[in-house]
Amino acid sequence: MGLAKLRKEKGLTYKQLAEKSGVNYQKLWQIEHGVIKTENIALKTAQKLADSLECSIEDILAPDDTEQE
């Protein structure tokens, strides 16, 4: 599913997800835009995001289905 799609489905901004997960909003942007590749995301970071978005780590690490906005 991918981080961008999950975040948008929950109606969260980068800032809101950053506050909820404890992951820096710039890092979130970098992950969503491919600056940081999903295979390079620390397990701890992926777990924080998965917990915050109520999904699995696999969902976070999956590529987004749609083009980035």
PDB file of N, CA and C in Angstrom:
ATOM      1  N   MET A   1       0.827  -1.188   0.000  1.00  0.00           N
ATOM      2  CA  MET A   1       0.000   0.000   0.000  1.00  0.00           C
ATOM      3  C   MET A   1       0.870   1.250   0.000  1.00  0.00           C
ATOM      4  N   GLY A   2       1.839   1.350   0.869  1.00  0.00           N
ATOM      5  CA  GLY A   2       2.756   2.463   0.877  1.00  0.00           C
ATOM      6  C   GLY A   2       2.412   3.553   1.872  1.00  0.00           C
ATOM      7  N   LEU A   3       3.438   4.220   2.329  1.00  0.00           N
ATOM      8  CA  LEU A   3       3.288   5.239   3.360  1.00  0.00           C
ATOM      9  C   LEU A   3       2.408   6.405   2.929  1.00  0.00           C
ATOM     10  N   ALA A   4       2.617   6.917   1.723  1.00  0.00           N
ATOM     11  CA  ALA A   4       1.848   8.084   1.269  1.00  0.00           C
ATOM     12  C   ALA A   4       0.357   7.772   1.242  1.00  0.00           C
ATOM     13  N   LYS A   5       0.003   6.642   0.673  1.00  0.00           N
ATOM     14  CA  LYS A   5      -1.415   6.272   0.571  1.00  0.00           C
ATOM     15  C   LYS A   5      -2.022   6.064   1.957  1.00  0.00           C
ATOM     16  N   LEU A   6      -1.302   5.389   2.830  1.00  0.00           N
ATOM     17  CA  LEU A   6      -1.798   5.160   4.185  1.00  0.00           C
ATOM     18  C   LEU A   6      -2.012   6.475   4.926  1.00  0.00           C
ATOM     19  N   ARG A   7      -1.038   7.373   4.809  1.00  0.00           N
ATOM     20  CA  ARG A   7      -1.127   8.665   5.494  1.00  0.00           C
ATOM     21  C   ARG A   7      -2.319   9.464   4.974  1.00  0.00           C
ATOM     22  N   LYS A   8      -2.491   9.482   3.661  1.00  0.00           N
ATOM     23  CA  LYS A   8      -3.593  10.238   3.059  1.00  0.00           C
ATOM     24  C   LYS A   8      -4.947   9.629   3.419  1.00  0.00           C
ATOM     25  N   GLU A   9      -5.026   8.298   3.445  1.00  0.00           N
ATOM     26  CA  GLU A   9      -6.285   7.636   3.816  1.00  0.00           C
ATOM     27  C   GLU A   9      -6.704   7.981   5.241  1.00  0.00           C
ATOM     28  N   LYS A  10      -5.727   8.195   6.112  1.00  0.00           N
ATOM     29  CA  LYS A  10      -6.020   8.574   7.498  1.00  0.00           C
ATOM     30  C   LYS A  10      -6.263  10.074   7.629  1.00  0.00           C
ATOM     31  N   GLY A  11      -6.065  10.815   6.542  1.00  0.00           N
ATOM     32  CA  GLY A  11      -6.295  12.253   6.558  1.00  0.00           C
ATOM     33  C   GLY A  11      -5.262  13.019   7.355  1.00  0.00           C
ATOM     34  N   LEU A  12      -4.031  12.512   7.387  1.00  0.00           N
ATOM     35  CA  LEU A  12      -2.983  13.132   8.180  1.00  0.00           C
ATOM     36  C   LEU A  12      -2.006  13.915   7.306  1.00  0.00           C
ATOM     37  N   THR A  13      -1.555  15.040   7.812  1.00  0.00           N
ATOM     38  CA  THR A  13      -0.474  15.783   7.173  1.00  0.00           C
ATOM     39  C   THR A  13       0.842  15.175   7.639  1.00  0.00           C
ATOM     40  N   TYR A  14       1.935  15.598   7.001  1.00  0.00           N
ATOM     41  CA  TYR A  14       3.249  15.142   7.454  1.00  0.00           C
ATOM     42  C   TYR A  14       3.454  15.514   8.916  1.00  0.00           C
ATOM     43  N   LYS A  15       3.092  16.748   9.260  1.00  0.00           N
ATOM     44  CA  LYS A  15       3.289  17.235  10.628  1.00  0.00           C
ATOM     45  C   LYS A  15       2.477  16.412  11.629  1.00  0.00           C
ATOM     46  N   GLN A  16       1.225  16.116  11.293  1.00  0.00           N
ATOM     47  CA  GLN A  16       0.378  15.337  12.200  1.00  0.00           C
ATOM     48  C   GLN A  16       0.927  13.932  12.406  1.00  0.00           C
ATOM     49  N   LEU A  17       1.365  13.297  11.319  1.00  0.00           N
ATOM     50  CA  LEU A  17       1.920  11.949  11.449  1.00  0.00           C
ATOM     51  C   LEU A  17       3.240  11.988  12.216  1.00  0.00           C
ATOM     52  N   ALA A  18       4.013  13.024  12.003  1.00  0.00           N
ATOM     53  CA  ALA A  18       5.277  13.167  12.737  1.00  0.00           C
ATOM     54  C   ALA A  18       5.023  13.266  14.236  1.00  0.00           C
ATOM     55  N   GLU A  19       4.041  14.074  14.606  1.00  0.00           N
ATOM     56  CA  GLU A  19       3.712  14.227  16.024  1.00  0.00           C
ATOM     57  C   GLU A  19       3.179  12.919  16.616  1.00  0.00           C
ATOM     58  N   LYS A  20       2.368  12.232  15.856  1.00  0.00           N
ATOM     59  CA  LYS A  20       1.759  10.989  16.338  1.00  0.00           C
ATOM     60  C   LYS A  20       2.778   9.850  16.454  1.00  0.00           C
ATOM     61  N   SER A  21       3.716   9.795  15.506  1.00  0.00           N
ATOM     62  CA  SER A  21       4.655   8.676  15.452  1.00  0.00           C
ATOM     63  C   SER A  21       6.002   8.951  16.110  1.00  0.00           C
ATOM     64  N   GLY A  22       6.367  10.217  16.209  1.00  0.00           N
ATOM     65  CA  GLY A  22       7.687  10.558  16.725  1.00  0.00           C
ATOM     66  C   GLY A  22       8.766  10.503  15.651  1.00  0.00           C
ATOM     67  N   VAL A  23       8.355  10.375  14.389  1.00  0.00           N
ATOM     68  CA  VAL A  23       9.286  10.364  13.265  1.00  0.00           C
ATOM     69  C   VAL A  23       9.286  11.762  12.651  1.00  0.00           C
ATOM     70  N   ASN A  24      10.463  12.312  12.418  1.00  0.00           N
ATOM     71  CA  ASN A  24      10.603  13.660  11.880  1.00  0.00           C
ATOM     72  C   ASN A  24       9.826  13.809  10.566  1.00  0.00           C
ATOM     73  N   TYR A  25       9.119  14.945  10.418  1.00  0.00           N
ATOM     74  CA  TYR A  25       8.303  15.142   9.221  1.00  0.00           C
ATOM     75  C   TYR A  25       9.139  15.195   7.950  1.00  0.00           C
ATOM     76  N   GLN A  26      10.372  15.677   8.036  1.00  0.00           N
ATOM     77  CA  GLN A  26      11.243  15.698   6.857  1.00  0.00           C
ATOM     78  C   GLN A  26      11.601  14.279   6.423  1.00  0.00           C
ATOM     79  N   LYS A  27      11.797  13.406   7.398  1.00  0.00           N
ATOM     80  CA  LYS A  27      12.082  12.002   7.086  1.00  0.00           C
ATOM     81  C   LYS A  27      10.862  11.362   6.422  1.00  0.00           C
ATOM     82  N   LEU A  28       9.670  11.700   6.885  1.00  0.00           N
ATOM     83  CA  LEU A  28       8.450  11.173   6.265  1.00  0.00           C
ATOM     84  C   LEU A  28       8.379  11.581   4.798  1.00  0.00           C
ATOM     85  N   TRP A  29       8.648  12.855   4.530  1.00  0.00           N
ATOM     86  CA  TRP A  29       8.627  13.353   3.157  1.00  0.00           C
ATOM     87  C   TRP A  29       9.661  12.605   2.319  1.00  0.00           C
ATOM     88  N   GLN A  30      10.848  12.420   2.876  1.00  0.00           N
ATOM     89  CA  GLN A  30      11.920  11.740   2.151  1.00  0.00           C
ATOM     90  C   GLN A  30      11.560  10.290   1.833  1.00  0.00           C
ATOM     91  N   ILE A  31      10.910   9.619   2.759  1.00  0.00           N
ATOM     92  CA  ILE A  31      10.479   8.238   2.518  1.00  0.00           C
ATOM     93  C   ILE A  31       9.432   8.209   1.413  1.00  0.00           C
ATOM     94  N   GLU A  32       8.445   9.087   1.503  1.00  0.00           N
ATOM     95  CA  GLU A  32       7.370   9.100   0.512  1.00  0.00           C
ATOM     96  C   GLU A  32       7.857   9.451  -0.885  1.00  0.00           C
ATOM     97  N   HIS A  33       8.889  10.266  -0.978  1.00  0.00           N
ATOM     98  CA  HIS A  33       9.373  10.714  -2.280  1.00  0.00           C
ATOM     99  C   HIS A  33      10.607   9.959  -2.767  1.00  0.00           C
ATOM    100  N   GLY A  34      10.960   8.877  -2.088  1.00  0.00           N
ATOM    101  CA  GLY A  34      12.017   8.003  -2.551  1.00  0.00           C
ATOM    102  C   GLY A  34      13.432   8.469  -2.260  1.00  0.00           C
ATOM    103  N   VAL A  35      13.594   9.561  -1.519  1.00  0.00           N
ATOM    104  CA  VAL A  35      14.928   9.999  -1.128  1.00  0.00           C
ATOM    105  C   VAL A  35      15.536   8.955  -0.193  1.00  0.00           C
ATOM    106  N   ILE A  36      14.705   8.467   0.731  1.00  0.00           N
ATOM    107  CA  ILE A  36      15.075   7.333   1.582  1.00  0.00           C
ATOM    108  C   ILE A  36      14.298   6.132   1.053  1.00  0.00           C
ATOM    109  N   LYS A  37      15.010   5.127   0.603  1.00  0.00           N
ATOM    110  CA  LYS A  37      14.351   3.941   0.055  1.00  0.00           C
ATOM    111  C   LYS A  37      13.748   3.110   1.180  1.00  0.00           C
ATOM    112  N   THR A  38      12.638   2.468   0.892  1.00  0.00           N
ATOM    113  CA  THR A  38      11.941   1.697   1.924  1.00  0.00           C
ATOM    114  C   THR A  38      12.828   0.606   2.517  1.00  0.00           C
ATOM    115  N   GLU A  39      13.733   0.038   1.725  1.00  0.00           N
ATOM    116  CA  GLU A  39      14.600  -1.012   2.272  1.00  0.00           C
ATOM    117  C   GLU A  39      15.643  -0.458   3.234  1.00  0.00           C
ATOM    118  N   ASN A  40      15.774   0.865   3.271  1.00  0.00           N
ATOM    119  CA  ASN A  40      16.732   1.498   4.182  1.00  0.00           C
ATOM    120  C   ASN A  40      16.085   2.104   5.427  1.00  0.00           C
ATOM    121  N   ILE A  41      14.801   1.918   5.585  1.00  0.00           N
ATOM    122  CA  ILE A  41      14.106   2.436   6.769  1.00  0.00           C
ATOM    123  C   ILE A  41      14.424   1.524   7.949  1.00  0.00           C
ATOM    124  N   ALA A  42      14.807   2.117   9.059  1.00  0.00           N
ATOM    125  CA  ALA A  42      15.084   1.333  10.265  1.00  0.00           C
ATOM    126  C   ALA A  42      13.807   0.642  10.732  1.00  0.00           C
ATOM    127  N   LEU A  43      13.955  -0.559  11.241  1.00  0.00           N
ATOM    128  CA  LEU A  43      12.804  -1.315  11.728  1.00  0.00           C
ATOM    129  C   LEU A  43      12.043  -0.532  12.794  1.00  0.00           C
ATOM    130  N   LYS A  44      12.766   0.149  13.665  1.00  0.00           N
ATOM    131  CA  LYS A  44      12.134   0.946  14.724  1.00  0.00           C
ATOM    132  C   LYS A  44      11.257   2.050  14.127  1.00  0.00           C
ATOM    133  N   THR A  45      11.738   2.690  13.083  1.00  0.00           N
ATOM    134  CA  THR A  45      10.967   3.746  12.410  1.00  0.00           C
ATOM    135  C   THR A  45       9.732   3.154  11.743  1.00  0.00           C
ATOM    136  N   ALA A  46       9.901   2.048  11.049  1.00  0.00           N
ATOM    137  CA  ALA A  46       8.777   1.392  10.394  1.00  0.00           C
ATOM    138  C   ALA A  46       7.720   0.970  11.414  1.00  0.00           C
ATOM    139  N   GLN A  47       8.147   0.483  12.570  1.00  0.00           N
ATOM    140  CA  GLN A  47       7.208   0.064  13.611  1.00  0.00           C
ATOM    141  C   GLN A  47       6.445   1.258  14.165  1.00  0.00           C
ATOM    142  N   LYS A  48       7.123   2.376  14.389  1.00  0.00           N
ATOM    143  CA  LYS A  48       6.452   3.588  14.875  1.00  0.00           C
ATOM    144  C   LYS A  48       5.383   4.044  13.887  1.00  0.00           C
ATOM    145  N   LEU A  49       5.719   4.019  12.609  1.00  0.00           N
ATOM    146  CA  LEU A  49       4.762   4.441  11.584  1.00  0.00           C
ATOM    147  C   LEU A  49       3.593   3.468  11.495  1.00  0.00           C
ATOM    148  N   ALA A  50       3.888   2.177  11.531  1.00  0.00           N
ATOM    149  CA  ALA A  50       2.829   1.167  11.468  1.00  0.00           C
ATOM    150  C   ALA A  50       1.881   1.297  12.655  1.00  0.00           C
ATOM    151  N   ASP A  51       2.433   1.503  13.846  1.00  0.00           N
ATOM    152  CA  ASP A  51       1.590   1.675  15.033  1.00  0.00           C
ATOM    153  C   ASP A  51       0.716   2.918  14.902  1.00  0.00           C
ATOM    154  N   SER A  52       1.287   4.001  14.416  1.00  0.00           N
ATOM    155  CA  SER A  52       0.560   5.259  14.293  1.00  0.00           C
ATOM    156  C   SER A  52      -0.536   5.194  13.239  1.00  0.00           C
ATOM    157  N   LEU A  53      -0.289   4.430  12.177  1.00  0.00           N
ATOM    158  CA  LEU A  53      -1.261   4.319  11.084  1.00  0.00           C
ATOM    159  C   LEU A  53      -2.143   3.078  11.219  1.00  0.00           C
ATOM    160  N   GLU A  54      -1.945   2.319  12.293  1.00  0.00           N
ATOM    161  CA  GLU A  54      -2.737   1.117  12.565  1.00  0.00           C
ATOM    162  C   GLU A  54      -2.703   0.152  11.375  1.00  0.00           C
ATOM    163  N   CYS A  55      -1.487  -0.191  10.970  1.00  0.00           N
ATOM    164  CA  CYS A  55      -1.301  -1.118   9.861  1.00  0.00           C
ATOM    165  C   CYS A  55      -0.081  -1.976  10.154  1.00  0.00           C
ATOM    166  N   SER A  56       0.272  -2.823   9.211  1.00  0.00           N
ATOM    167  CA  SER A  56       1.457  -3.670   9.392  1.00  0.00           C
ATOM    168  C   SER A  56       2.697  -2.973   8.841  1.00  0.00           C
ATOM    169  N   ILE A  57       3.847  -3.446   9.271  1.00  0.00           N
ATOM    170  CA  ILE A  57       5.106  -2.924   8.739  1.00  0.00           C
ATOM    171  C   ILE A  57       5.173  -3.188   7.240  1.00  0.00           C
ATOM    172  N   GLU A  58       4.672  -4.316   6.806  1.00  0.00           N
ATOM    173  CA  GLU A  58       4.673  -4.637   5.376  1.00  0.00           C
ATOM    174  C   GLU A  58       3.919  -3.592   4.567  1.00  0.00           C
ATOM    175  N   ASP A  59       2.821  -3.074   5.121  1.00  0.00           N
ATOM    176  CA  ASP A  59       2.060  -2.025   4.439  1.00  0.00           C
ATOM    177  C   ASP A  59       2.898  -0.761   4.274  1.00  0.00           C
ATOM    178  N   ILE A  60       3.669  -0.424   5.300  1.00  0.00           N
ATOM    179  CA  ILE A  60       4.524   0.771   5.260  1.00  0.00           C
ATOM    180  C   ILE A  60       5.609   0.610   4.202  1.00  0.00           C
ATOM    181  N   LEU A  61       6.192  -0.576   4.113  1.00  0.00           N
ATOM    182  CA  LEU A  61       7.324  -0.807   3.227  1.00  0.00           C
ATOM    183  C   LEU A  61       6.926  -1.070   1.779  1.00  0.00           C
ATOM    184  N   ALA A  62       5.652  -1.316   1.526  1.00  0.00           N
ATOM    185  CA  ALA A  62       5.190  -1.576   0.165  1.00  0.00           C
ATOM    186  C   ALA A  62       5.244  -0.287  -0.663  1.00  0.00           C
ATOM    187  N   PRO A  63       5.510  -0.417  -1.946  1.00  0.00           N
ATOM    188  CA  PRO A  63       5.505   0.777  -2.795  1.00  0.00           C
ATOM    189  C   PRO A  63       4.093   1.325  -2.934  1.00  0.00           C
ATOM    190  N   ASP A  64       4.004   2.639  -3.096  1.00  0.00           N
ATOM    191  CA  ASP A  64       2.689   3.256  -3.298  1.00  0.00           C
ATOM    192  C   ASP A  64       2.151   2.864  -4.668  1.00  0.00           C
ATOM    193  N   ASP A  65       0.834   2.725  -4.726  1.00  0.00           N
ATOM    194  CA  ASP A  65       0.168   2.326  -5.970  1.00  0.00           C
ATOM    195  C   ASP A  65       0.050   3.472  -6.961  1.00  0.00           C
ATOM    196  N   THR A  66       0.098   4.697  -6.458  1.00  0.00           N
ATOM    197  CA  THR A  66      -0.138   5.863  -7.303  1.00  0.00           C
ATOM    198  C   THR A  66       1.081   6.766  -7.353  1.00  0.00           C
ATOM    199  N   GLU A  67       1.061   7.673  -8.299  1.00  0.00           N
ATOM    200  CA  GLU A  67       2.139   8.658  -8.429  1.00  0.00           C
ATOM    201  C   GLU A  67       2.117   9.609  -7.249  1.00  0.00           C
ATOM    202  N   GLN A  68       3.287  10.143  -6.909  1.00  0.00           N
ATOM    203  CA  GLN A  68       3.391  11.135  -5.829  1.00  0.00           C
ATOM    204  C   GLN A  68       2.802  12.449  -6.296  1.00  0.00           C
ATOM    205  N   GLU A  69       2.215  13.162  -5.351  1.00  0.00           N
ATOM    206  CA  GLU A  69       1.637  14.473  -5.674  1.00  0.00           C
ATOM    207  C   GLU A  69       2.642  15.554  -5.419  1.00  0.00           C
TER     208      GLU A  69
END
